């Protein structure tokens, strides 16, 4: 199905829509802000693909009628929008990976910041070497209402203390678990995933790093990540 807008414009519109998504914890409430955003989302999906918009409209109507558990319906809506965003990014030749040379630590930080800022419901970081500096560097860029999960292995006491102090300053839902993670992954809203070639805390400080989005293997990787989280020990 060919849309009525250029691919580049649709990609930009989906990017802005996801960035401006209301807090998912309150999205089921019939506020003016939420209704306006849902209307924008439905209109954009109808432009992008009228046939798929039929099912999307059903999800939106079901959310508004509160027939099912709202969090489940919200997750379906969010996943659909992330899917459209990814599809049009591919059509526009959008980058699915970034490479940072040794010393480009700020560029790495900025890339990861832009990846996590759109999250509206859940962030799962899997990285054995997350430390207290990670908390100070990245959590200020997480929206209010987002659940943050940190699966770590080292620096447990330092991370626990840092998270406890951060909670006093900001009401953010943060949970830390200790396991045996090997890869460095971040999952956004259970819909997308990026893999880092180095620990998030060290990105490109001393060595080159590849930061790549997991696409074809997303569902398998997500299942493994969630299994590791469930099996890890709460801190």
C-alpha atoms as a PDB file:
ATOM      1  CA  UNK A   1       0.000   0.000   0.000  1.00  0.00           C
ATOM      2  CA  UNK A   2       1.435   3.351  -1.069  1.00  0.00           C
ATOM      3  CA  UNK A   3       0.919   6.204   1.395  1.00  0.00           C
ATOM      4  CA  UNK A   4      -0.080   9.741   0.492  1.00  0.00           C
ATOM      5  CA  UNK A   5       3.003  11.217   2.158  1.00  0.00           C
ATOM      6  CA  UNK A   6       6.681  10.870   1.245  1.00  0.00           C
ATOM      7  CA  UNK A   7       8.495   8.141   3.149  1.00  0.00           C
ATOM      8  CA  UNK A   8      10.803  10.680   4.789  1.00  0.00           C
ATOM      9  CA  UNK A   9       7.867  12.676   6.118  1.00  0.00           C
ATOM     10  CA  UNK A  10       6.099   9.593   7.449  1.00  0.00           C
ATOM     11  CA  UNK A  11       9.270   8.499   9.200  1.00  0.00           C
ATOM     12  CA  UNK A  12       9.609  11.943  10.777  1.00  0.00           C
ATOM     13  CA  UNK A  13       5.946  11.928  11.834  1.00  0.00           C
ATOM     14  CA  UNK A  14       6.226   8.503  13.495  1.00  0.00           C
ATOM     15  CA  UNK A  15       9.443   9.604  15.223  1.00  0.00           C
ATOM     16  CA  UNK A  16       7.712  12.666  16.656  1.00  0.00           C
ATOM     17  CA  UNK A  17       4.599  10.684  17.592  1.00  0.00           C
ATOM     18  CA  UNK A  18       6.594   8.157  19.625  1.00  0.00           C
ATOM     19  CA  UNK A  19       8.695  10.884  21.217  1.00  0.00           C
ATOM     20  CA  UNK A  20       5.542  12.716  22.348  1.00  0.00           C
ATOM     21  CA  UNK A  21       3.706   9.612  23.547  1.00  0.00           C
ATOM     22  CA  UNK A  22       1.927  10.259  26.865  1.00  0.00           C
ATOM     23  CA  UNK A  23       2.959   8.331  29.940  1.00  0.00           C
ATOM     24  CA  UNK A  24       1.611   4.815  29.446  1.00  0.00           C
ATOM     25  CA  UNK A  25       0.646   4.532  33.077  1.00  0.00           C
ATOM     26  CA  UNK A  26      -1.976   7.212  32.439  1.00  0.00           C
ATOM     27  CA  UNK A  27      -2.723   6.692  28.743  1.00  0.00           C
ATOM     28  CA  UNK A  28      -5.964   4.836  29.476  1.00  0.00           C
ATOM     29  CA  UNK A  29      -7.429   7.921  31.170  1.00  0.00           C
ATOM     30  CA  UNK A  30      -9.708   9.963  28.865  1.00  0.00           C
ATOM     31  CA  UNK A  31      -7.831  13.233  29.207  1.00  0.00           C
ATOM     32  CA  UNK A  32      -7.737  15.771  26.394  1.00  0.00           C
ATOM     33  CA  UNK A  33      -3.996  15.204  25.923  1.00  0.00           C
ATOM     34  CA  UNK A  34      -4.424  11.440  25.594  1.00  0.00           C
ATOM     35  CA  UNK A  35      -7.366  11.712  23.194  1.00  0.00           C
ATOM     36  CA  UNK A  36      -5.483  14.151  20.978  1.00  0.00           C
ATOM     37  CA  UNK A  37      -2.441  11.876  20.862  1.00  0.00           C
ATOM     38  CA  UNK A  38      -4.529   8.775  20.090  1.00  0.00           C
ATOM     39  CA  UNK A  39      -6.264  10.712  17.332  1.00  0.00           C
ATOM     40  CA  UNK A  40      -2.912  11.699  15.839  1.00  0.00           C
ATOM     41  CA  UNK A  41      -1.694   8.115  16.025  1.00  0.00           C
ATOM     42  CA  UNK A  42      -4.807   6.766  14.318  1.00  0.00           C
ATOM     43  CA  UNK A  43      -4.683   9.397  11.581  1.00  0.00           C
ATOM     44  CA  UNK A  44      -1.019   8.682  10.877  1.00  0.00           C
ATOM     45  CA  UNK A  45      -1.541   4.919  10.703  1.00  0.00           C
ATOM     46  CA  UNK A  46      -4.482   5.438   8.351  1.00  0.00           C
ATOM     47  CA  UNK A  47      -2.249   7.476   6.051  1.00  0.00           C
ATOM     48  CA  UNK A  48       0.579   4.943   6.239  1.00  0.00           C
ATOM     49  CA  UNK A  49      -1.564   1.848   5.641  1.00  0.00           C
ATOM     50  CA  UNK A  50      -5.397   2.054   5.539  1.00  0.00           C
ATOM     51  CA  UNK A  51      -5.837  -1.724   5.714  1.00  0.00           C
ATOM     52  CA  UNK A  52      -3.712  -2.175   8.831  1.00  0.00           C
ATOM     53  CA  UNK A  53      -5.371   0.918  10.282  1.00  0.00           C
ATOM     54  CA  UNK A  54      -8.603  -1.068  10.601  1.00  0.00           C
ATOM     55  CA  UNK A  55      -7.007  -3.311  13.247  1.00  0.00           C
ATOM     56  CA  UNK A  56      -5.214  -0.385  14.880  1.00  0.00           C
ATOM     57  CA  UNK A  57      -8.513   1.509  15.191  1.00  0.00           C
ATOM     58  CA  UNK A  58     -10.026  -1.544  16.846  1.00  0.00           C
ATOM     59  CA  UNK A  59      -7.230  -1.512  19.432  1.00  0.00           C
ATOM     60  CA  UNK A  60      -7.724   2.202  20.057  1.00  0.00           C
ATOM     61  CA  UNK A  61     -11.494   1.822  20.397  1.00  0.00           C
ATOM     62  CA  UNK A  62     -11.039  -1.107  22.774  1.00  0.00           C
ATOM     63  CA  UNK A  63      -8.688   0.945  24.934  1.00  0.00           C
ATOM     64  CA  UNK A  64     -11.166   3.800  25.047  1.00  0.00           C
ATOM     65  CA  UNK A  65     -14.026   1.469  25.997  1.00  0.00           C
ATOM     66  CA  UNK A  66     -11.944  -0.220  28.741  1.00  0.00           C
ATOM     67  CA  UNK A  67     -13.232  -3.646  27.637  1.00  0.00           C
ATOM     68  CA  UNK A  68      -9.900  -5.331  28.286  1.00  0.00           C
ATOM     69  CA  UNK A  69      -7.061  -4.762  30.691  1.00  0.00           C
ATOM     70  CA  UNK A  70      -5.699  -1.339  29.582  1.00  0.00           C
ATOM     71  CA  UNK A  71      -1.977  -2.180  29.969  1.00  0.00           C
ATOM     72  CA  UNK A  72      -2.360  -5.072  27.510  1.00  0.00           C
ATOM     73  CA  UNK A  73      -4.127  -2.895  24.963  1.00  0.00           C
ATOM     74  CA  UNK A  74      -1.651  -0.061  25.423  1.00  0.00           C
ATOM     75  CA  UNK A  75       1.234  -2.453  24.764  1.00  0.00           C
ATOM     76  CA  UNK A  76      -0.397  -3.575  21.499  1.00  0.00           C
ATOM     77  CA  UNK A  77      -0.773   0.045  20.377  1.00  0.00           C
ATOM     78  CA  UNK A  78       2.799   0.922  21.310  1.00  0.00           C
ATOM     79  CA  UNK A  79       4.206  -2.159  19.577  1.00  0.00           C
ATOM     80  CA  UNK A  80       2.253  -1.360  16.402  1.00  0.00           C
ATOM     81  CA  UNK A  81       3.569   2.213  16.323  1.00  0.00           C
ATOM     82  CA  UNK A  82       7.148   1.047  16.877  1.00  0.00           C
ATOM     83  CA  UNK A  83       6.636  -1.369  13.999  1.00  0.00           C
ATOM     84  CA  UNK A  84       5.487   1.390  11.650  1.00  0.00           C
ATOM     85  CA  UNK A  85       8.374   3.585  12.801  1.00  0.00           C
ATOM     86  CA  UNK A  86      10.883   0.828  12.053  1.00  0.00           C
ATOM     87  CA  UNK A  87       9.291   0.029   8.686  1.00  0.00           C
ATOM     88  CA  UNK A  88       9.528   3.591   7.438  1.00  0.00           C
ATOM     89  CA  UNK A  89      13.000   4.039   8.797  1.00  0.00           C
ATOM     90  CA  UNK A  90      14.056   1.097   6.633  1.00  0.00           C
ATOM     91  CA  UNK A  91      12.321   2.631   3.622  1.00  0.00           C
ATOM     92  CA  UNK A  92      14.240   5.858   4.227  1.00  0.00           C
ATOM     93  CA  UNK A  93      17.549   4.050   4.613  1.00  0.00           C
ATOM     94  CA  UNK A  94      17.758   4.872   8.307  1.00  0.00           C
ATOM     95  CA  UNK A  95      20.806   3.607  10.166  1.00  0.00           C
ATOM     96  CA  UNK A  96      20.349   0.404  12.154  1.00  0.00           C
ATOM     97  CA  UNK A  97      23.870   0.532  13.552  1.00  0.00           C
ATOM     98  CA  UNK A  98      26.436   3.069  14.673  1.00  0.00           C
ATOM     99  CA  UNK A  99      30.193   2.705  15.012  1.00  0.00           C
ATOM    100  CA  UNK A 100      32.211   4.802  17.452  1.00  0.00           C
ATOM    101  CA  UNK A 101      35.970   5.065  17.400  1.00  0.00           C
ATOM    102  CA  UNK A 102      38.047   5.050  20.579  1.00  0.00           C
ATOM    103  CA  UNK A 103      37.581   8.361  22.356  1.00  0.00           C
ATOM    104  CA  UNK A 104      34.130   9.106  20.945  1.00  0.00           C
ATOM    105  CA  UNK A 105      32.501   8.538  24.323  1.00  0.00           C
ATOM    106  CA  UNK A 106      30.192  11.540  24.074  1.00  0.00           C
ATOM    107  CA  UNK A 107      28.881  10.448  20.665  1.00  0.00           C
ATOM    108  CA  UNK A 108      28.190   7.009  22.130  1.00  0.00           C
ATOM    109  CA  UNK A 109      26.440   8.563  25.129  1.00  0.00           C
ATOM    110  CA  UNK A 110      24.339  10.762  22.845  1.00  0.00           C
ATOM    111  CA  UNK A 111      23.310   7.788  20.705  1.00  0.00           C
ATOM    112  CA  UNK A 112      22.218   5.748  23.709  1.00  0.00           C
ATOM    113  CA  UNK A 113      20.399   8.751  25.165  1.00  0.00           C
ATOM    114  CA  UNK A 114      18.395   9.150  21.947  1.00  0.00           C
ATOM    115  CA  UNK A 115      17.545   5.445  22.010  1.00  0.00           C
ATOM    116  CA  UNK A 116      16.172   5.419  25.566  1.00  0.00           C
ATOM    117  CA  UNK A 117      14.437   8.809  25.665  1.00  0.00           C
ATOM    118  CA  UNK A 118      11.370   7.671  23.650  1.00  0.00           C
ATOM    119  CA  UNK A 119      10.638   4.833  26.114  1.00  0.00           C
ATOM    120  CA  UNK A 120       7.226   5.229  27.700  1.00  0.00           C
ATOM    121  CA  UNK A 121       6.675   2.057  29.707  1.00  0.00           C
ATOM    122  CA  UNK A 122       9.718  -0.179  30.204  1.00  0.00           C
ATOM    123  CA  UNK A 123      13.516  -0.163  29.871  1.00  0.00           C
ATOM    124  CA  UNK A 124      15.539  -3.312  30.479  1.00  0.00           C
ATOM    125  CA  UNK A 125      19.327  -2.922  30.583  1.00  0.00           C
ATOM    126  CA  UNK A 126      21.386  -6.106  30.572  1.00  0.00           C
ATOM    127  CA  UNK A 127      25.045  -5.455  31.331  1.00  0.00           C
ATOM    128  CA  UNK A 128      27.264  -7.136  33.898  1.00  0.00           C
ATOM    129  CA  UNK A 129      29.340  -3.986  34.407  1.00  0.00           C
ATOM    130  CA  UNK A 130      26.700  -1.314  35.004  1.00  0.00           C
ATOM    131  CA  UNK A 131      27.939   0.853  37.866  1.00  0.00           C
ATOM    132  CA  UNK A 132      26.953   3.932  39.860  1.00  0.00           C
ATOM    133  CA  UNK A 133      28.179   6.276  37.102  1.00  0.00           C
ATOM    134  CA  UNK A 134      25.713   4.658  34.707  1.00  0.00           C
ATOM    135  CA  UNK A 135      22.827   5.617  36.983  1.00  0.00           C
ATOM    136  CA  UNK A 136      23.959   9.246  37.099  1.00  0.00           C
ATOM    137  CA  UNK A 137      24.637   9.441  33.352  1.00  0.00           C
ATOM    138  CA  UNK A 138      21.568   7.820  31.837  1.00  0.00           C
ATOM    139  CA  UNK A 139      18.620   7.662  34.238  1.00  0.00           C
ATOM    140  CA  UNK A 140      18.028  11.451  34.170  1.00  0.00           C
ATOM    141  CA  UNK A 141      17.054  10.990  30.515  1.00  0.00           C
ATOM    142  CA  UNK A 142      14.303   8.457  31.299  1.00  0.00           C
ATOM    143  CA  UNK A 143      10.731   9.733  31.329  1.00  0.00           C
ATOM    144  CA  UNK A 144       8.623   9.770  34.466  1.00  0.00           C
ATOM    145  CA  UNK A 145       6.475   6.671  34.743  1.00  0.00           C
ATOM    146  CA  UNK A 146       8.874   4.363  32.908  1.00  0.00           C
ATOM    147  CA  UNK A 147       9.842   1.174  34.698  1.00  0.00           C
ATOM    148  CA  UNK A 148      13.630   0.736  34.664  1.00  0.00           C
ATOM    149  CA  UNK A 149      15.147  -2.725  35.116  1.00  0.00           C
ATOM    150  CA  UNK A 150      18.885  -3.194  35.556  1.00  0.00           C
ATOM    151  CA  UNK A 151      20.296  -6.724  35.220  1.00  0.00           C
ATOM    152  CA  UNK A 152      23.883  -6.576  36.466  1.00  0.00           C
ATOM    153  CA  UNK A 153      26.637  -8.756  37.893  1.00  0.00           C
ATOM    154  CA  UNK A 154      29.414  -6.538  39.263  1.00  0.00           C
ATOM    155  CA  UNK A 155      29.310  -3.395  41.428  1.00  0.00           C
ATOM    156  CA  UNK A 156      26.113  -4.519  43.157  1.00  0.00           C
ATOM    157  CA  UNK A 157      26.532  -2.440  46.320  1.00  0.00           C
ATOM    158  CA  UNK A 158      27.539   0.671  44.404  1.00  0.00           C
ATOM    159  CA  UNK A 159      24.537   0.383  42.088  1.00  0.00           C
ATOM    160  CA  UNK A 160      22.175  -0.311  44.972  1.00  0.00           C
ATOM    161  CA  UNK A 161      23.367   2.767  46.856  1.00  0.00           C
ATOM    162  CA  UNK A 162      23.213   4.954  43.767  1.00  0.00           C
ATOM    163  CA  UNK A 163      19.697   3.799  42.884  1.00  0.00           C
ATOM    164  CA  UNK A 164      18.498   4.333  46.460  1.00  0.00           C
ATOM    165  CA  UNK A 165      19.839   7.890  46.450  1.00  0.00           C
ATOM    166  CA  UNK A 166      18.341   8.580  43.035  1.00  0.00           C
ATOM    167  CA  UNK A 167      14.909   7.393  44.151  1.00  0.00           C
ATOM    168  CA  UNK A 168      14.928  10.003  46.945  1.00  0.00           C
ATOM    169  CA  UNK A 169      15.457  12.770  44.401  1.00  0.00           C
ATOM    170  CA  UNK A 170      13.078  11.422  41.758  1.00  0.00           C
ATOM    171  CA  UNK A 171      10.091   9.122  41.908  1.00  0.00           C
ATOM    172  CA  UNK A 172      11.238   6.568  39.329  1.00  0.00           C
ATOM    173  CA  UNK A 173      10.428   2.849  39.400  1.00  0.00           C
ATOM    174  CA  UNK A 174      13.877   1.207  39.335  1.00  0.00           C
ATOM    175  CA  UNK A 175      14.558  -2.454  40.025  1.00  0.00           C
ATOM    176  CA  UNK A 176      17.994  -4.059  40.168  1.00  0.00           C
ATOM    177  CA  UNK A 177      18.716  -7.771  39.867  1.00  0.00           C
ATOM    178  CA  UNK A 178      21.972  -9.683  39.934  1.00  0.00           C
ATOM    179  CA  UNK A 179      22.567 -12.446  37.425  1.00  0.00           C
ATOM    180  CA  UNK A 180      25.165 -13.626  34.936  1.00  0.00           C
ATOM    181  CA  UNK A 181      24.580 -11.540  31.794  1.00  0.00           C
ATOM    182  CA  UNK A 182      27.117 -11.874  28.989  1.00  0.00           C
ATOM    183  CA  UNK A 183      25.839  -9.456  26.335  1.00  0.00           C
ATOM    184  CA  UNK A 184      25.113  -5.753  26.680  1.00  0.00           C
ATOM    185  CA  UNK A 185      21.511  -5.105  25.646  1.00  0.00           C
ATOM    186  CA  UNK A 186      18.867  -2.459  26.137  1.00  0.00           C
ATOM    187  CA  UNK A 187      15.208  -3.254  25.447  1.00  0.00           C
ATOM    188  CA  UNK A 188      12.829  -0.345  24.881  1.00  0.00           C
ATOM    189  CA  UNK A 189       9.130  -0.809  25.670  1.00  0.00           C
ATOM    190  CA  UNK A 190       9.527  -4.534  24.950  1.00  0.00           C
ATOM    191  CA  UNK A 191       9.344  -3.553  21.284  1.00  0.00           C
ATOM    192  CA  UNK A 192      12.917  -2.796  20.178  1.00  0.00           C
ATOM    193  CA  UNK A 193      16.400  -3.831  21.259  1.00  0.00           C
ATOM    194  CA  UNK A 194      19.934  -2.521  20.786  1.00  0.00           C
ATOM    195  CA  UNK A 195      23.177  -4.373  21.463  1.00  0.00           C
ATOM    196  CA  UNK A 196      26.354  -2.626  22.546  1.00  0.00           C
ATOM    197  CA  UNK A 197      29.822  -3.961  21.822  1.00  0.00           C
ATOM    198  CA  UNK A 198      31.054  -2.654  25.162  1.00  0.00           C
ATOM    199  CA  UNK A 199      29.618  -1.957  28.573  1.00  0.00           C
ATOM    200  CA  UNK A 200      27.216   0.976  28.563  1.00  0.00           C
ATOM    201  CA  UNK A 201      29.332   2.687  31.192  1.00  0.00           C
ATOM    202  CA  UNK A 202      32.489   2.525  29.051  1.00  0.00           C
ATOM    203  CA  UNK A 203      31.119   3.130  25.556  1.00  0.00           C
ATOM    204  CA  UNK A 204      33.983   4.145  23.232  1.00  0.00           C
ATOM    205  CA  UNK A 205      36.173   5.522  25.993  1.00  0.00           C
ATOM    206  CA  UNK A 206      39.211   3.398  25.176  1.00  0.00           C
ATOM    207  CA  UNK A 207      38.220   1.157  22.256  1.00  0.00           C
ATOM    208  CA  UNK A 208      35.964   1.220  19.166  1.00  0.00           C
ATOM    209  CA  UNK A 209      32.348   0.155  19.746  1.00  0.00           C
ATOM    210  CA  UNK A 210      29.564  -1.074  17.489  1.00  0.00           C
ATOM    211  CA  UNK A 211      26.022  -0.210  18.613  1.00  0.00           C
ATOM    212  CA  UNK A 212      23.446  -2.118  16.575  1.00  0.00           C
ATOM    213  CA  UNK A 213      19.704  -2.689  16.614  1.00  0.00           C
ATOM    214  CA  UNK A 214      18.576  -6.306  16.810  1.00  0.00           C
ATOM    215  CA  UNK A 215      15.876  -6.806  14.179  1.00  0.00           C
ATOM    216  CA  UNK A 216      15.544 -10.299  12.723  1.00  0.00           C
ATOM    217  CA  UNK A 217      16.429 -11.967  16.025  1.00  0.00           C
ATOM    218  CA  UNK A 218      14.481  -9.548  18.234  1.00  0.00           C
ATOM    219  CA  UNK A 219      11.822 -11.942  19.498  1.00  0.00           C
ATOM    220  CA  UNK A 220      14.342 -14.661  20.359  1.00  0.00           C
ATOM    221  CA  UNK A 221      16.694 -12.180  22.024  1.00  0.00           C
ATOM    222  CA  UNK A 222      13.821 -10.608  23.948  1.00  0.00           C
ATOM    223  CA  UNK A 223      12.697 -14.001  25.245  1.00  0.00           C
ATOM    224  CA  UNK A 224      16.237 -14.772  26.424  1.00  0.00           C
ATOM    225  CA  UNK A 225      16.540 -11.381  28.108  1.00  0.00           C
ATOM    226  CA  UNK A 226      13.248 -11.764  29.947  1.00  0.00           C
ATOM    227  CA  UNK A 227      14.222 -15.282  31.043  1.00  0.00           C
ATOM    228  CA  UNK A 228      17.535 -13.985  32.428  1.00  0.00           C
ATOM    229  CA  UNK A 229      15.648 -11.280  34.288  1.00  0.00           C
ATOM    230  CA  UNK A 230      13.170 -13.725  35.823  1.00  0.00           C
ATOM    231  CA  UNK A 231      15.969 -16.029  36.958  1.00  0.00           C
ATOM    232  CA  UNK A 232      18.133 -13.253  38.456  1.00  0.00           C
ATOM    233  CA  UNK A 233      18.253 -12.435  42.146  1.00  0.00           C
ATOM    234  CA  UNK A 234      16.544  -9.205  43.302  1.00  0.00           C
ATOM    235  CA  UNK A 235      18.999  -6.745  44.863  1.00  0.00           C
END
